[in-house]
Amino acid sequence: CVHLFYKLMRPQAMVLMETEIWPTIIQRCYKSN
């Protein structure tokens, strides 16, 4: 799900807030710089 989302959106940056800690989303951002 995360892979498809990032493939379509190709973000330059992302912001989470408060206690929204999503390991797969975080890992994808990290791998993609």
All heavy atoms as atom14 arrays in JSON, in Angstrom:
{
  "sequence": "CVHLFYKLMRPQAMVLMETEIWPTIIQRCYKSN",
  "atom14_mask": [
    [1, 1, 1, 1, 1, 1, 0, 0, 0, 0, 0, 0, 0, 0],
    [1, 1, 1, 1, 1, 1, 1, 0, 0, 0, 0, 0, 0, 0],
    [1, 1, 1, 1, 1, 1, 1, 1, 1, 1, 0, 0, 0, 0],
    [1, 1, 1, 1, 1, 1, 1, 1, 0, 0, 0, 0, 0, 0],
    [1, 1, 1, 1, 1, 1, 1, 1, 1, 1, 1, 0, 0, 0],
    [1, 1, 1, 1, 1, 1, 1, 1, 1, 1, 1, 1, 0, 0],
    [1, 1, 1, 1, 1, 1, 1, 1, 1, 0, 0, 0, 0, 0],
    [1, 1, 1, 1, 1, 1, 1, 1, 0, 0, 0, 0, 0, 0],
    [1, 1, 1, 1, 1, 1, 1, 1, 0, 0, 0, 0, 0, 0],
    [1, 1, 1, 1, 1, 1, 1, 1, 1, 1, 1, 0, 0, 0],
    [1, 1, 1, 1, 1, 1, 1, 0, 0, 0, 0, 0, 0, 0],
    [1, 1, 1, 1, 1, 1, 1, 1, 1, 0, 0, 0, 0, 0],
    [1, 1, 1, 1, 1, 0, 0, 0, 0, 0, 0, 0, 0, 0],
    [1, 1, 1, 1, 1, 1, 1, 1, 0, 0, 0, 0, 0, 0],
    [1, 1, 1, 1, 1, 1, 1, 0, 0, 0, 0, 0, 0, 0],
    [1, 1, 1, 1, 1, 1, 1, 1, 0, 0, 0, 0, 0, 0],
    [1, 1, 1, 1, 1, 1, 1, 1, 0, 0, 0, 0, 0, 0],
    [1, 1, 1, 1, 1, 1, 1, 1, 1, 0, 0, 0, 0, 0],
    [1, 1, 1, 1, 1, 1, 1, 0, 0, 0, 0, 0, 0, 0],
    [1, 1, 1, 1, 1, 1, 1, 1, 1, 0, 0, 0, 0, 0],
    [1, 1, 1, 1, 1, 1, 1, 1, 0, 0, 0, 0, 0, 0],
    [1, 1, 1, 1, 1, 1, 1, 1, 1, 1, 1, 1, 1, 1],
    [1, 1, 1, 1, 1, 1, 1, 0, 0, 0, 0, 0, 0, 0],
    [1, 1, 1, 1, 1, 1, 1, 0, 0, 0, 0, 0, 0, 0],
    [1, 1, 1, 1, 1, 1, 1, 1, 0, 0, 0, 0, 0, 0],
    [1, 1, 1, 1, 1, 1, 1, 1, 0, 0, 0, 0, 0, 0],
    [1, 1, 1, 1, 1, 1, 1, 1, 1, 0, 0, 0, 0, 0],
    [1, 1, 1, 1, 1, 1, 1, 1, 1, 1, 1, 0, 0, 0],
    [1, 1, 1, 1, 1, 1, 0, 0, 0, 0, 0, 0, 0, 0],
    [1, 1, 1, 1, 1, 1, 1, 1, 1, 1, 1, 1, 0, 0],
    [1, 1, 1, 1, 1, 1, 1, 1, 1, 0, 0, 0, 0, 0],
    [1, 1, 1, 1, 1, 1, 0, 0, 0, 0, 0, 0, 0, 0],
    [1, 1, 1, 1, 1, 1, 1, 1, 0, 0, 0, 0, 0, 0]
  ],
  "atom14_positions": [
    [[0.84, -1.21, 0.0], [0.0, 0.0, 0.0], [0.87, 1.25, 0.0], [0.64, 2.2, -0.77], [-0.92, 0.01, 1.22], [-2.0, -1.42, 1.37], [0.0, 0.0, 0.0], [0.0, 0.0, 0.0], [0.0, 0.0, 0.0], [0.0, 0.0, 0.0], [0.0, 0.0, 0.0], [0.0, 0.0, 0.0], [0.0, 0.0, 0.0], [0.0, 0.0, 0.0]],
    [[1.88, 1.25, 0.87], [2.79, 2.39, 0.98], [3.59, 2.56, -0.31], [3.78, 3.68, -0.8], [3.72, 2.22, 2.21], [4.81, 3.29, 2.21], [2.91, 2.26, 3.5], [0.0, 0.0, 0.0], [0.0, 0.0, 0.0], [0.0, 0.0, 0.0], [0.0, 0.0, 0.0], [0.0, 0.0, 0.0], [0.0, 0.0, 0.0], [0.0, 0.0, 0.0]],
    [[4.04, 1.45, -0.89], [4.82, 1.5, -2.13], [4.02, 2.17, -3.25], [4.53, 3.04, -3.96], [5.23, 0.09, -2.54], [5.89, 0.03, -3.89], [7.19, 0.46, -4.1], [5.42, -0.36, -5.1], [7.49, 0.32, -5.38], [6.44, -0.18, -6.01], [0.0, 0.0, 0.0], [0.0, 0.0, 0.0], [0.0, 0.0, 0.0], [0.0, 0.0, 0.0]],
    [[2.77, 1.76, -3.41], [1.93, 2.31, -4.47], [1.67, 3.8, -4.23], [1.75, 4.62, -5.16], [0.61, 1.54, -4.55], [-0.39, 1.99, -5.62], [0.24, 1.94, -7.01], [-1.66, 1.13, -5.56], [0.0, 0.0, 0.0], [0.0, 0.0, 0.0], [0.0, 0.0, 0.0], [0.0, 0.0, 0.0], [0.0, 0.0, 0.0], [0.0, 0.0, 0.0]],
    [[1.39, 4.16, -2.98], [1.13, 5.55, -2.62], [2.33, 6.44, -2.97], [2.18, 7.49, -3.6], [0.82, 5.62, -1.12], [0.59, 7.01, -0.59], [-0.6, 7.68, -0.83], [1.56, 7.66, 0.17], [-0.83, 8.96, -0.33], [1.36, 8.93, 0.67], [0.16, 9.58, 0.42], [0.0, 0.0, 0.0], [0.0, 0.0, 0.0], [0.0, 0.0, 0.0]],
    [[3.51, 6.01, -2.6], [4.71, 6.8, -2.88], [5.05, 6.84, -4.36], [5.52, 7.85, -4.88], [5.89, 6.26, -2.07], [5.93, 6.82, -0.67], [5.07, 6.33, 0.31], [6.79, 7.86, -0.33], [5.08, 6.85, 1.59], [6.81, 8.38, 0.95], [5.95, 7.87, 1.9], [5.95, 8.4, 3.17], [0.0, 0.0, 0.0], [0.0, 0.0, 0.0]],
    [[4.79, 5.75, -5.03], [5.04, 5.71, -6.47], [4.18, 6.73, -7.21], [4.62, 7.39, -8.16], [4.76, 4.3, -7.0], [5.08, 4.13, -8.48], [4.79, 2.7, -8.92], [5.06, 2.54, -10.42], [4.76, 1.15, -10.89], [0.0, 0.0, 0.0], [0.0, 0.0, 0.0], [0.0, 0.0, 0.0], [0.0, 0.0, 0.0], [0.0, 0.0, 0.0]],
    [[2.92, 6.88, -6.77], [2.0, 7.8, -7.42], [2.2, 9.25, -6.96], [2.03, 10.18, -7.75], [0.55, 7.36, -7.15], [0.13, 6.02, -7.75], [-1.25, 5.61, -7.25], [0.14, 6.08, -9.28], [0.0, 0.0, 0.0], [0.0, 0.0, 0.0], [0.0, 0.0, 0.0], [0.0, 0.0, 0.0], [0.0, 0.0, 0.0], [0.0, 0.0, 0.0]],
    [[2.55, 9.45, -5.68], [2.63, 10.81, -5.13], [4.04, 11.42, -5.22], [4.18, 12.63, -5.28], [2.16, 10.81, -3.67], [0.68, 10.52, -3.49], [-0.37, 11.73, -4.34], [-0.02, 13.22, -3.41], [0.0, 0.0, 0.0], [0.0, 0.0, 0.0], [0.0, 0.0, 0.0], [0.0, 0.0, 0.0], [0.0, 0.0, 0.0], [0.0, 0.0, 0.0]],
    [[5.08, 10.59, -5.18], [6.47, 11.04, -5.29], [6.74, 12.32, -4.46], [7.16, 13.36, -4.99], [6.86, 11.3, -6.75], [6.67, 10.1, -7.66], [7.36, 10.3, -9.0], [6.93, 11.48, -9.73], [5.83, 11.55, -10.49], [5.04, 10.48, -10.62], [5.54, 12.66, -11.13], [0.0, 0.0, 0.0], [0.0, 0.0, 0.0], [0.0, 0.0, 0.0]],
    [[6.49, 12.26, -3.15], [6.63, 13.48, -2.33], [8.08, 13.94, -2.19], [9.01, 13.13, -2.24], [6.08, 13.03, -0.97], [6.31, 11.56, -0.93], [6.1, 11.09, -2.34], [0.0, 0.0, 0.0], [0.0, 0.0, 0.0], [0.0, 0.0, 0.0], [0.0, 0.0, 0.0], [0.0, 0.0, 0.0], [0.0, 0.0, 0.0], [0.0, 0.0, 0.0]],
    [[8.24, 15.25, -2.02], [9.56, 15.81, -1.72], [9.83, 15.81, -0.22], [10.98, 15.82, 0.22], [9.67, 17.24, -2.25], [9.74, 17.33, -3.77], [10.14, 18.73, -4.21], [10.89, 19.43, -3.53], [9.63, 19.14, -5.35], [0.0, 0.0, 0.0], [0.0, 0.0, 0.0], [0.0, 0.0, 0.0], [0.0, 0.0, 0.0], [0.0, 0.0, 0.0]],
    [[8.76, 15.83, 0.56], [8.89, 15.79, 2.02], [7.54, 15.34, 2.6], [6.5, 15.45, 1.94], [9.27, 17.16, 2.58], [0.0, 0.0, 0.0], [0.0, 0.0, 0.0], [0.0, 0.0, 0.0], [0.0, 0.0, 0.0], [0.0, 0.0, 0.0], [0.0, 0.0, 0.0], [0.0, 0.0, 0.0], [0.0, 0.0, 0.0], [0.0, 0.0, 0.0]],
    [[7.61, 14.86, 3.86], [6.38, 14.42, 4.51], [6.41, 14.84, 5.97], [7.48, 14.93, 6.59], [6.22, 12.9, 4.4], [4.89, 12.39, 4.9], [4.56, 10.7, 4.36], [2.93, 10.47, 5.09], [0.0, 0.0, 0.0], [0.0, 0.0, 0.0], [0.0, 0.0, 0.0], [0.0, 0.0, 0.0], [0.0, 0.0, 0.0], [0.0, 0.0, 0.0]],
    [[5.23, 15.11, 6.51], [5.1, 15.55, 7.9], [4.06, 14.68, 8.6], [2.93, 14.53, 8.11], [4.65, 17.03, 7.97], [4.45, 17.46, 9.43], [5.66, 17.94, 7.28], [0.0, 0.0, 0.0], [0.0, 0.0, 0.0], [0.0, 0.0, 0.0], [0.0, 0.0, 0.0], [0.0, 0.0, 0.0], [0.0, 0.0, 0.0], [0.0, 0.0, 0.0]],
    [[4.45, 14.1, 9.72], [3.52, 13.42, 10.62], [3.38, 14.28, 11.86], [4.21, 15.15, 12.12], [4.03, 12.02, 10.99], [4.26, 11.03, 9.85], [4.89, 9.74, 10.38], [2.96, 10.71, 9.12], [0.0, 0.0, 0.0], [0.0, 0.0, 0.0], [0.0, 0.0, 0.0], [0.0, 0.0, 0.0], [0.0, 0.0, 0.0], [0.0, 0.0, 0.0]],
    [[2.34, 14.04, 12.65], [2.19, 14.85, 13.86], [1.78, 14.01, 15.06], [1.21, 12.93, 14.93], [1.23, 16.01, 13.64], [-0.23, 15.65, 13.49], [-1.28, 17.11, 13.22], [-1.06, 18.03, 14.75], [0.0, 0.0, 0.0], [0.0, 0.0, 0.0], [0.0, 0.0, 0.0], [0.0, 0.0, 0.0], [0.0, 0.0, 0.0], [0.0, 0.0, 0.0]],
    [[2.15, 14.52, 16.22], [1.79, 13.97, 17.52], [2.34, 12.56, 17.72], [3.54, 12.37, 17.83], [0.28, 14.09, 17.76], [-0.17, 15.55, 17.71], [-1.52, 15.82, 18.29], [-2.27, 14.87, 18.55], [-1.83, 17.02, 18.47], [0.0, 0.0, 0.0], [0.0, 0.0, 0.0], [0.0, 0.0, 0.0], [0.0, 0.0, 0.0], [0.0, 0.0, 0.0]],
    [[1.49, 11.54, 17.74], [1.97, 10.16, 17.98], [1.79, 9.28, 16.76], [1.7, 8.05, 16.88], [1.23, 9.54, 19.19], [-0.17, 9.68, 19.0], [1.64, 10.2, 20.48], [0.0, 0.0, 0.0], [0.0, 0.0, 0.0], [0.0, 0.0, 0.0], [0.0, 0.0, 0.0], [0.0, 0.0, 0.0], [0.0, 0.0, 0.0], [0.0, 0.0, 0.0]],
    [[1.74, 9.89, 15.59], [1.55, 9.11, 14.36], [2.89, 8.53, 13.91], [3.62, 9.14, 13.12], [0.96, 10.0, 13.26], [-0.43, 10.53, 13.57], [-1.49, 9.45, 13.55], [-1.42, 8.56, 12.68], [-2.38, 9.48, 14.42], [0.0, 0.0, 0.0], [0.0, 0.0, 0.0], [0.0, 0.0, 0.0], [0.0, 0.0, 0.0], [0.0, 0.0, 0.0]],
    [[3.23, 7.38, 14.44], [4.5, 6.72, 14.12], [4.19, 5.48, 13.29], [3.71, 4.46, 13.82], [5.27, 6.34, 15.41], [5.5, 7.59, 16.27], [6.59, 5.67, 15.07], [5.96, 7.28, 17.67], [0.0, 0.0, 0.0], [0.0, 0.0, 0.0], [0.0, 0.0, 0.0], [0.0, 0.0, 0.0], [0.0, 0.0, 0.0], [0.0, 0.0, 0.0]],
    [[4.44, 5.56, 11.98], [4.11, 4.48, 11.06], [5.4, 3.93, 10.45], [5.97, 4.53, 9.54], [3.14, 4.98, 9.97], [1.86, 5.48, 10.56], [1.46, 6.76, 10.72], [0.83, 4.67, 11.13], [0.24, 6.82, 11.34], [-0.18, 5.54, 11.6], [0.65, 3.29, 11.27], [-1.33, 5.09, 12.21], [-0.51, 2.83, 11.89], [-1.49, 3.72, 12.34]],
    [[5.88, 2.79, 10.99], [7.2, 2.28, 10.6], [7.41, 2.06, 9.11], [8.48, 2.36, 8.58], [7.3, 0.96, 11.38], [6.42, 1.17, 12.58], [5.28, 1.99, 12.07], [0.0, 0.0, 0.0], [0.0, 0.0, 0.0], [0.0, 0.0, 0.0], [0.0, 0.0, 0.0], [0.0, 0.0, 0.0], [0.0, 0.0, 0.0], [0.0, 0.0, 0.0]],
    [[6.4, 1.55, 8.4], [6.58, 1.28, 6.98], [6.7, 2.58, 6.18], [7.53, 2.71, 5.28], [5.41, 0.43, 6.43], [5.25, -0.73, 7.26], [5.66, -0.01, 5.0], [0.0, 0.0, 0.0], [0.0, 0.0, 0.0], [0.0, 0.0, 0.0], [0.0, 0.0, 0.0], [0.0, 0.0, 0.0], [0.0, 0.0, 0.0], [0.0, 0.0, 0.0]],
    [[5.86, 3.55, 6.51], [5.93, 4.86, 5.86], [7.28, 5.52, 6.14], [7.92, 6.08, 5.24], [4.76, 5.75, 6.33], [3.43, 5.25, 5.71], [4.99, 7.22, 5.97], [2.2, 5.92, 6.25], [0.0, 0.0, 0.0], [0.0, 0.0, 0.0], [0.0, 0.0, 0.0], [0.0, 0.0, 0.0], [0.0, 0.0, 0.0], [0.0, 0.0, 0.0]],
    [[7.7, 5.45, 7.4], [8.98, 6.06, 7.78], [10.14, 5.38, 7.04], [11.05, 6.06, 6.52], [9.17, 5.96, 9.31], [8.13, 6.85, 10.03], [10.59, 6.38, 9.71], [8.07, 6.65, 11.53], [0.0, 0.0, 0.0], [0.0, 0.0, 0.0], [0.0, 0.0, 0.0], [0.0, 0.0, 0.0], [0.0, 0.0, 0.0], [0.0, 0.0, 0.0]],
    [[10.1, 4.05, 6.96], [11.16, 3.31, 6.26], [11.23, 3.69, 4.78], [12.31, 3.86, 4.22], [10.92, 1.8, 6.41], [11.84, 0.9, 5.6], [13.29, 0.97, 6.05], [13.6, 1.49, 7.11], [14.2, 0.45, 5.22], [0.0, 0.0, 0.0], [0.0, 0.0, 0.0], [0.0, 0.0, 0.0], [0.0, 0.0, 0.0], [0.0, 0.0, 0.0]],
    [[10.06, 3.86, 4.16], [10.03, 4.21, 2.74], [10.63, 5.59, 2.51], [11.39, 5.8, 1.56], [8.6, 4.13, 2.22], [8.47, 4.52, 0.74], [9.38, 3.66, -0.14], [9.54, 4.21, -1.46], [8.97, 3.73, -2.56], [8.18, 2.68, -2.47], [9.19, 4.28, -3.72], [0.0, 0.0, 0.0], [0.0, 0.0, 0.0], [0.0, 0.0, 0.0]],
    [[10.29, 6.55, 3.37], [10.88, 7.89, 3.26], [12.4, 7.82, 3.44], [13.15, 8.46, 2.7], [10.27, 8.82, 4.3], [8.63, 9.44, 3.9], [0.0, 0.0, 0.0], [0.0, 0.0, 0.0], [0.0, 0.0, 0.0], [0.0, 0.0, 0.0], [0.0, 0.0, 0.0], [0.0, 0.0, 0.0], [0.0, 0.0, 0.0], [0.0, 0.0, 0.0]],
    [[12.83, 7.07, 4.42], [14.25, 6.95, 4.73], [15.03, 6.36, 3.55], [16.07, 6.9, 3.15], [14.42, 6.08, 5.97], [15.84, 5.9, 6.43], [16.53, 6.92, 7.08], [16.5, 4.69, 6.22], [17.83, 6.76, 7.51], [17.8, 4.5, 6.64], [18.47, 5.54, 7.29], [19.75, 5.36, 7.7], [0.0, 0.0, 0.0], [0.0, 0.0, 0.0]],
    [[14.51, 5.29, 2.99], [15.18, 4.64, 1.85], [15.24, 5.55, 0.63], [16.17, 5.48, -0.16], [14.44, 3.35, 1.48], [14.76, 2.17, 2.39], [14.02, 0.92, 1.96], [14.5, 0.44, 0.6], [13.84, -0.82, 0.19], [0.0, 0.0, 0.0], [0.0, 0.0, 0.0], [0.0, 0.0, 0.0], [0.0, 0.0, 0.0], [0.0, 0.0, 0.0]],
    [[14.21, 6.4, 0.48], [14.12, 7.27, -0.7], [14.72, 8.66, -0.45], [14.56, 9.55, -1.29], [12.66, 7.4, -1.14], [12.1, 6.13, -1.4], [0.0, 0.0, 0.0], [0.0, 0.0, 0.0], [0.0, 0.0, 0.0], [0.0, 0.0, 0.0], [0.0, 0.0, 0.0], [0.0, 0.0, 0.0], [0.0, 0.0, 0.0], [0.0, 0.0, 0.0]],
    [[15.36, 8.84, 0.72], [15.95, 10.15, 1.09], [14.92, 11.27, 1.08], [15.19, 12.4, 0.64], [17.12, 10.5, 0.17], [18.31, 9.58, 0.39], [18.66, 9.3, 1.53], [18.91, 9.11, -0.69], [0.0, 0.0, 0.0], [0.0, 0.0, 0.0], [0.0, 0.0, 0.0], [0.0, 0.0, 0.0], [0.0, 0.0, 0.0], [0.0, 0.0, 0.0]]
  ]
}
